[in-house]
Amino acid sequence: MPKGYWIVQVDIDDLEKYKAYMAANAEPFKHYGATFLVRGGRFENPEGNSRARHVVLEFPDYQSALDCWHSPEYQYAITLRQPVSTLDMVIIEGYQP
């Protein structure tokens, strides 16, 4: 079964307030088996548009990635994130040859 991924690009307007979102998302990420593959770090943007920060989360499967997003715990975390950041995100099924 292919893994599921969140691919996120985010601009953070207030890092101190954003930390509340980071604390709130820890429990749903743990519950749904998320692992950070990318969390910030150096990058180049040779083509197209980008935001300041990039995150890639891996989930055991696509359904877990969707369930985490829709969980009440993560929906609460979103309310902490939205006022202090702007993001683009996809939830995608991994490639399985």
C-alpha atoms as a PDB file:
ATOM      1  CA  MET A   1       0.000   0.000   0.000  1.00  0.00           C
ATOM      2  CA  PRO A   2       1.461   3.394  -0.984  1.00  0.00           C
ATOM      3  CA  LYS A   3       2.314   5.892   1.708  1.00  0.00           C
ATOM      4  CA  GLY A   4       0.573   9.230   2.024  1.00  0.00           C
ATOM      5  CA  TYR A   5       2.286  12.612   2.101  1.00  0.00           C
ATOM      6  CA  TRP A   6       1.584  16.193   3.018  1.00  0.00           C
ATOM      7  CA  ILE A   7       3.641  18.590   0.913  1.00  0.00           C
ATOM      8  CA  VAL A   8       3.499  22.076   2.380  1.00  0.00           C
ATOM      9  CA  GLN A   9       4.960  25.485   1.556  1.00  0.00           C
ATOM     10  CA  VAL A  10       4.376  28.158   4.183  1.00  0.00           C
ATOM     11  CA  ASP A  11       5.129  31.795   4.953  1.00  0.00           C
ATOM     12  CA  ILE A  12       5.064  32.532   8.669  1.00  0.00           C
ATOM     13  CA  ASP A  13       4.128  36.058   9.760  1.00  0.00           C
ATOM     14  CA  ASP A  14       4.529  35.597  13.528  1.00  0.00           C
ATOM     15  CA  LEU A  15       6.852  32.785  14.604  1.00  0.00           C
ATOM     16  CA  GLU A  16       6.030  33.086  18.310  1.00  0.00           C
ATOM     17  CA  LYS A  17       2.297  32.592  17.689  1.00  0.00           C
ATOM     18  CA  TYR A  18       3.027  29.905  15.096  1.00  0.00           C
ATOM     19  CA  LYS A  19       4.704  27.864  17.842  1.00  0.00           C
ATOM     20  CA  ALA A  20       1.238  27.303  19.380  1.00  0.00           C
ATOM     21  CA  TYR A  21       0.192  25.635  16.113  1.00  0.00           C
ATOM     22  CA  MET A  22       3.315  23.466  16.168  1.00  0.00           C
ATOM     23  CA  ALA A  23       2.538  22.334  19.713  1.00  0.00           C
ATOM     24  CA  ALA A  24      -1.097  21.592  18.812  1.00  0.00           C
ATOM     25  CA  ASN A  25      -0.280  19.542  15.710  1.00  0.00           C
ATOM     26  CA  ALA A  26       2.068  17.177  17.572  1.00  0.00           C
ATOM     27  CA  GLU A  27      -0.701  14.937  18.931  1.00  0.00           C
ATOM     28  CA  PRO A  28      -2.583  14.343  15.670  1.00  0.00           C
ATOM     29  CA  PHE A  29       0.718  13.791  13.837  1.00  0.00           C
ATOM     30  CA  LYS A  30       1.696  11.173  16.415  1.00  0.00           C
ATOM     31  CA  HIS A  31      -1.742   9.536  16.380  1.00  0.00           C
ATOM     32  CA  TYR A  32      -1.774   9.153  12.575  1.00  0.00           C
ATOM     33  CA  GLY A  33       1.850   8.016  12.302  1.00  0.00           C
ATOM     34  CA  ALA A  34       3.322  11.096  10.615  1.00  0.00           C
ATOM     35  CA  THR A  35       7.074  11.391  10.160  1.00  0.00           C
ATOM     36  CA  PHE A  36       8.809  14.601   9.105  1.00  0.00           C
ATOM     37  CA  LEU A  37      10.962  14.050   6.017  1.00  0.00           C
ATOM     38  CA  VAL A  38      11.520  17.775   5.460  1.00  0.00           C
ATOM     39  CA  ARG A  39      11.021  20.489   8.069  1.00  0.00           C
ATOM     40  CA  GLY A  40      12.539  23.772   6.946  1.00  0.00           C
ATOM     41  CA  GLY A  41      16.130  23.672   5.816  1.00  0.00           C
ATOM     42  CA  ARG A  42      18.063  25.175   2.954  1.00  0.00           C
ATOM     43  CA  PHE A  43      16.552  25.155  -0.502  1.00  0.00           C
ATOM     44  CA  GLU A  44      16.863  26.655  -3.958  1.00  0.00           C
ATOM     45  CA  ASN A  45      13.888  27.580  -6.101  1.00  0.00           C
ATOM     46  CA  PRO A  46      15.174  27.254  -9.678  1.00  0.00           C
ATOM     47  CA  GLU A  47      11.711  27.502 -11.259  1.00  0.00           C
ATOM     48  CA  GLY A  48       8.223  28.682 -10.396  1.00  0.00           C
ATOM     49  CA  ASN A  49       7.024  30.131  -7.101  1.00  0.00           C
ATOM     50  CA  SER A  50       7.885  29.195  -3.556  1.00  0.00           C
ATOM     51  CA  ARG A  51       7.258  30.164   0.033  1.00  0.00           C
ATOM     52  CA  ALA A  52       9.826  30.669   2.790  1.00  0.00           C
ATOM     53  CA  ARG A  53       9.470  27.280   4.520  1.00  0.00           C
ATOM     54  CA  HIS A  54       8.857  23.748   3.240  1.00  0.00           C
ATOM     55  CA  VAL A  55       7.566  20.675   5.035  1.00  0.00           C
ATOM     56  CA  VAL A  56       7.052  17.109   3.842  1.00  0.00           C
ATOM     57  CA  LEU A  57       5.269  14.693   6.164  1.00  0.00           C
ATOM     58  CA  GLU A  58       5.056  10.974   5.462  1.00  0.00           C
ATOM     59  CA  PHE A  59       2.103   8.899   6.705  1.00  0.00           C
ATOM     60  CA  PRO A  60       1.752   5.101   6.719  1.00  0.00           C
ATOM     61  CA  ASP A  61      -0.831   5.375   3.919  1.00  0.00           C
ATOM     62  CA  TYR A  62      -2.913   7.908   2.004  1.00  0.00           C
ATOM     63  CA  GLN A  63      -6.002   7.381   4.172  1.00  0.00           C
ATOM     64  CA  SER A  64      -4.040   8.198   7.337  1.00  0.00           C
ATOM     65  CA  ALA A  65      -2.853  11.434   5.715  1.00  0.00           C
ATOM     66  CA  LEU A  66      -6.457  12.384   4.922  1.00  0.00           C
ATOM     67  CA  ASP A  67      -7.750  11.304   8.332  1.00  0.00           C
ATOM     68  CA  CYS A  68      -5.150  13.404  10.110  1.00  0.00           C
ATOM     69  CA  TRP A  69      -6.153  16.499   8.131  1.00  0.00           C
ATOM     70  CA  HIS A  70      -9.851  15.954   8.908  1.00  0.00           C
ATOM     71  CA  SER A  71      -9.359  15.064  12.581  1.00  0.00           C
ATOM     72  CA  PRO A  72     -10.868  17.437  15.160  1.00  0.00           C
ATOM     73  CA  GLU A  73      -7.430  17.832  16.750  1.00  0.00           C
ATOM     74  CA  TYR A  74      -5.812  18.999  13.542  1.00  0.00           C
ATOM     75  CA  GLN A  75      -8.766  21.197  12.634  1.00  0.00           C
ATOM     76  CA  TYR A  76      -8.212  22.945  15.974  1.00  0.00           C
ATOM     77  CA  ALA A  77      -4.504  23.363  15.170  1.00  0.00           C
ATOM     78  CA  ILE A  78      -5.488  25.039  11.896  1.00  0.00           C
ATOM     79  CA  THR A  79      -7.324  27.757  13.825  1.00  0.00           C
ATOM     80  CA  LEU A  80      -4.020  28.609  15.529  1.00  0.00           C
ATOM     81  CA  ARG A  81      -2.062  28.609  12.254  1.00  0.00           C
ATOM     82  CA  GLN A  82      -4.314  30.542   9.916  1.00  0.00           C
ATOM     83  CA  PRO A  83      -4.072  34.001  11.529  1.00  0.00           C
ATOM     84  CA  VAL A  84      -0.255  33.960  11.482  1.00  0.00           C
ATOM     85  CA  SER A  85       0.693  32.165   8.259  1.00  0.00           C
ATOM     86  CA  THR A  86      -0.150  31.520   4.624  1.00  0.00           C
ATOM     87  CA  LEU A  87       0.378  28.129   3.059  1.00  0.00           C
ATOM     88  CA  ASP A  88      -0.060  25.946   0.029  1.00  0.00           C
ATOM     89  CA  MET A  89      -0.551  22.250   0.670  1.00  0.00           C
ATOM     90  CA  VAL A  90      -1.341  19.012  -1.094  1.00  0.00           C
ATOM     91  CA  ILE A  91      -2.154  15.619   0.364  1.00  0.00           C
ATOM     92  CA  ILE A  92      -0.870  13.031  -2.096  1.00  0.00           C
ATOM     93  CA  GLU A  93      -0.532   9.299  -2.446  1.00  0.00           C
ATOM     94  CA  GLY A  94       3.034   8.082  -2.842  1.00  0.00           C
ATOM     95  CA  TYR A  95       4.365   6.292  -5.883  1.00  0.00           C
ATOM     96  CA  GLN A  96       4.478   2.534  -5.731  1.00  0.00           C
ATOM     97  CA  PRO A  97       6.112   0.870  -8.759  1.00  0.00           C
END
